[in-house]
C-alpha atoms as a PDB file:
ATOM      1  CA  TYR A   1      -0.455   8.492   1.536  1.00  0.00           C
ATOM      2  CA  GLU A   2      -3.454   9.007   4.728  1.00  0.00           C
ATOM      3  CA  ILE A   3      -3.154  11.734   6.527  1.00  0.00           C
ATOM      4  CA  ASP A   4      -4.503  11.685  10.337  1.00  0.00           C
ATOM      5  CA  SER A   5      -7.469  14.149  10.550  1.00  0.00           C
ATOM      6  CA  THR A   6      -5.934  15.490  14.313  1.00  0.00           C
ATOM      7  CA  ILE A   7      -2.551  16.807  12.225  1.00  0.00           C
ATOM      8  CA  VAL A   8      -4.526  17.921   9.025  1.00  0.00           C
ATOM      9  CA  LYS A   9      -6.145  20.303  11.933  1.00  0.00           C
ATOM     10  CA  LEU A  10      -3.019  21.877  13.057  1.00  0.00           C
ATOM     11  CA  ILE A  11      -2.918  24.671  10.741  1.00  0.00           C
ATOM     12  CA  PRO A  12      -5.912  26.002   9.082  1.00  0.00           C
ATOM     13  CA  LYS A  13      -7.380  26.167   5.447  1.00  0.00           C
ATOM     14  CA  ASN A  14      -6.784  29.649   4.651  1.00  0.00           C
ATOM     15  CA  VAL A  15      -2.800  28.927   5.735  1.00  0.00           C
ATOM     16  CA  ALA A  16      -2.616  26.018   4.324  1.00  0.00           C
ATOM     17  CA  SER A  17      -3.824  27.651   0.701  1.00  0.00           C
ATOM     18  CA  GLN A  18      -1.864  30.878   1.088  1.00  0.00           C
ATOM     19  CA  PHE A  19       1.426  29.198   1.703  1.00  0.00           C
ATOM     20  CA  CYS A  20       0.284  26.094  -0.409  1.00  0.00           C
ATOM     21  CA  LEU A  21       1.485  24.202   1.915  1.00  0.00           C
ATOM     22  CA  ILE A  22       0.095  20.866   3.894  1.00  0.00           C
ATOM     23  CA  PRO A  23       0.989  19.084   7.127  1.00  0.00           C
ATOM     24  CA  VAL A  24       1.461  15.406   6.368  1.00  0.00           C
ATOM     25  CA  ASP A  25       2.883  14.289   9.771  1.00  0.00           C
ATOM     26  CA  LYS A  26       3.931  14.900  13.493  1.00  0.00           C
ATOM     27  CA  ILE A  27       6.119  13.406  16.123  1.00  0.00           C
ATOM     28  CA  GLY A  28       7.071  14.969  19.513  1.00  0.00           C
ATOM     29  CA  SER A  29       7.674  18.386  18.657  1.00  0.00           C
ATOM     30  CA  ASN A  30       7.954  17.831  15.448  1.00  0.00           C
ATOM     31  CA  LEU A  31       5.472  18.220  12.405  1.00  0.00           C
ATOM     32  CA  THR A  32       6.752  17.380   8.903  1.00  0.00           C
ATOM     33  CA  ILE A  33       4.416  19.859   6.312  1.00  0.00           C
ATOM     34  CA  ALA A  34       4.297  19.339   2.413  1.00  0.00           C
ATOM     35  CA  MET A  35       4.587  22.332   1.042  1.00  0.00           C
ATOM     36  CA  SER A  36       5.505  23.950  -2.936  1.00  0.00           C
ATOM     37  CA  ASN A  37       8.403  26.568  -2.330  1.00  0.00           C
ATOM     38  CA  PRO A  38      10.248  25.441   0.457  1.00  0.00           C
ATOM     39  CA  LEU A  39      12.985  28.682   0.152  1.00  0.00           C
ATOM     40  CA  ASN A  40      10.101  30.428   1.046  1.00  0.00           C
ATOM     41  CA  ALA A  41      10.906  31.378   5.260  1.00  0.00           C
ATOM     42  CA  LEU A  42       7.758  33.075   6.670  1.00  0.00           C
ATOM     43  CA  ALA A  43       5.608  30.420   6.314  1.00  0.00           C
ATOM     44  CA  ILE A  44       7.733  27.987   7.549  1.00  0.00           C
ATOM     45  CA  GLU A  45       7.985  30.553  10.381  1.00  0.00           C
ATOM     46  CA  ASP A  46       4.108  30.941  10.831  1.00  0.00           C
ATOM     47  CA  ILE A  47       3.825  27.794  11.106  1.00  0.00           C
ATOM     48  CA  GLU A  48       6.074  27.270  13.424  1.00  0.00           C
ATOM     49  CA  LEU A  49       3.893  30.257  15.743  1.00  0.00           C
ATOM     50  CA  ILE A  50       0.797  28.941  14.805  1.00  0.00           C
ATOM     51  CA  SER A  51       1.635  25.290  16.087  1.00  0.00           C
ATOM     52  CA  GLY A  52       4.523  25.497  18.216  1.00  0.00           C
ATOM     53  CA  LEU A  53       6.161  22.302  16.008  1.00  0.00           C
ATOM     54  CA  PHE A  54       9.649  23.319  15.161  1.00  0.00           C
ATOM     55  CA  VAL A  55       8.758  22.231  10.790  1.00  0.00           C
ATOM     56  CA  GLN A  56      10.582  19.813   8.872  1.00  0.00           C
ATOM     57  CA  ILE A  57       9.764  20.834   5.253  1.00  0.00           C
ATOM     58  CA  PHE A  58       9.230  18.112   1.621  1.00  0.00           C
ATOM     59  CA  VAL A  59       9.061  19.561  -0.904  1.00  0.00           C
ATOM     60  CA  SER A  60       6.164  19.196  -3.588  1.00  0.00           C
ATOM     61  CA  THR A  61       4.102  20.163  -6.346  1.00  0.00           C
ATOM     62  CA  ALA A  62       1.561  22.724  -6.499  1.00  0.00           C
ATOM     63  CA  SER A  63      -1.203  21.397  -7.510  1.00  0.00           C
ATOM     64  CA  ASP A  64      -0.660  17.835  -5.975  1.00  0.00           C
ATOM     65  CA  ILE A  65      -1.058  20.288  -2.338  1.00  0.00           C
ATOM     66  CA  ASN A  66      -3.724  21.830  -3.930  1.00  0.00           C
ATOM     67  CA  LYS A  67      -6.052  17.855  -4.034  1.00  0.00           C
ATOM     68  CA  ALA A  68      -4.833  17.503  -0.463  1.00  0.00           C
ATOM     69  CA  ILE A  69      -6.233  20.930   0.700  1.00  0.00           C
ATOM     70  CA  GLU A  70      -9.566  20.051  -1.175  1.00  0.00           C
ATOM     71  CA  LYS A  71      -9.401  16.147  -0.147  1.00  0.00           C
ATOM     72  CA  TYR A  72      -8.586  17.146   3.838  1.00  0.00           C
ATOM     73  CA  TYR A  73     -10.176  20.270   4.571  1.00  0.00           C
ATOM     74  CA  LYS A  74     -13.489  20.208   3.996  1.00  0.00           C
END
């Protein structure tokens, strides 16, 4: 799955690495993120504050997210 670079720019790399997540898609005022710990309410609140968008979550493995972070945050 290819992620649009403008979507990746919505979340800083340090935040993505800290919470092990990556933004995947944006539709209207909804931001879809993949994260390894979907129960981390603090991370979700931070992402909503940073992006100004409502967050929807998909679960992914930490290894897949870390690979995506390396690929998209060059």
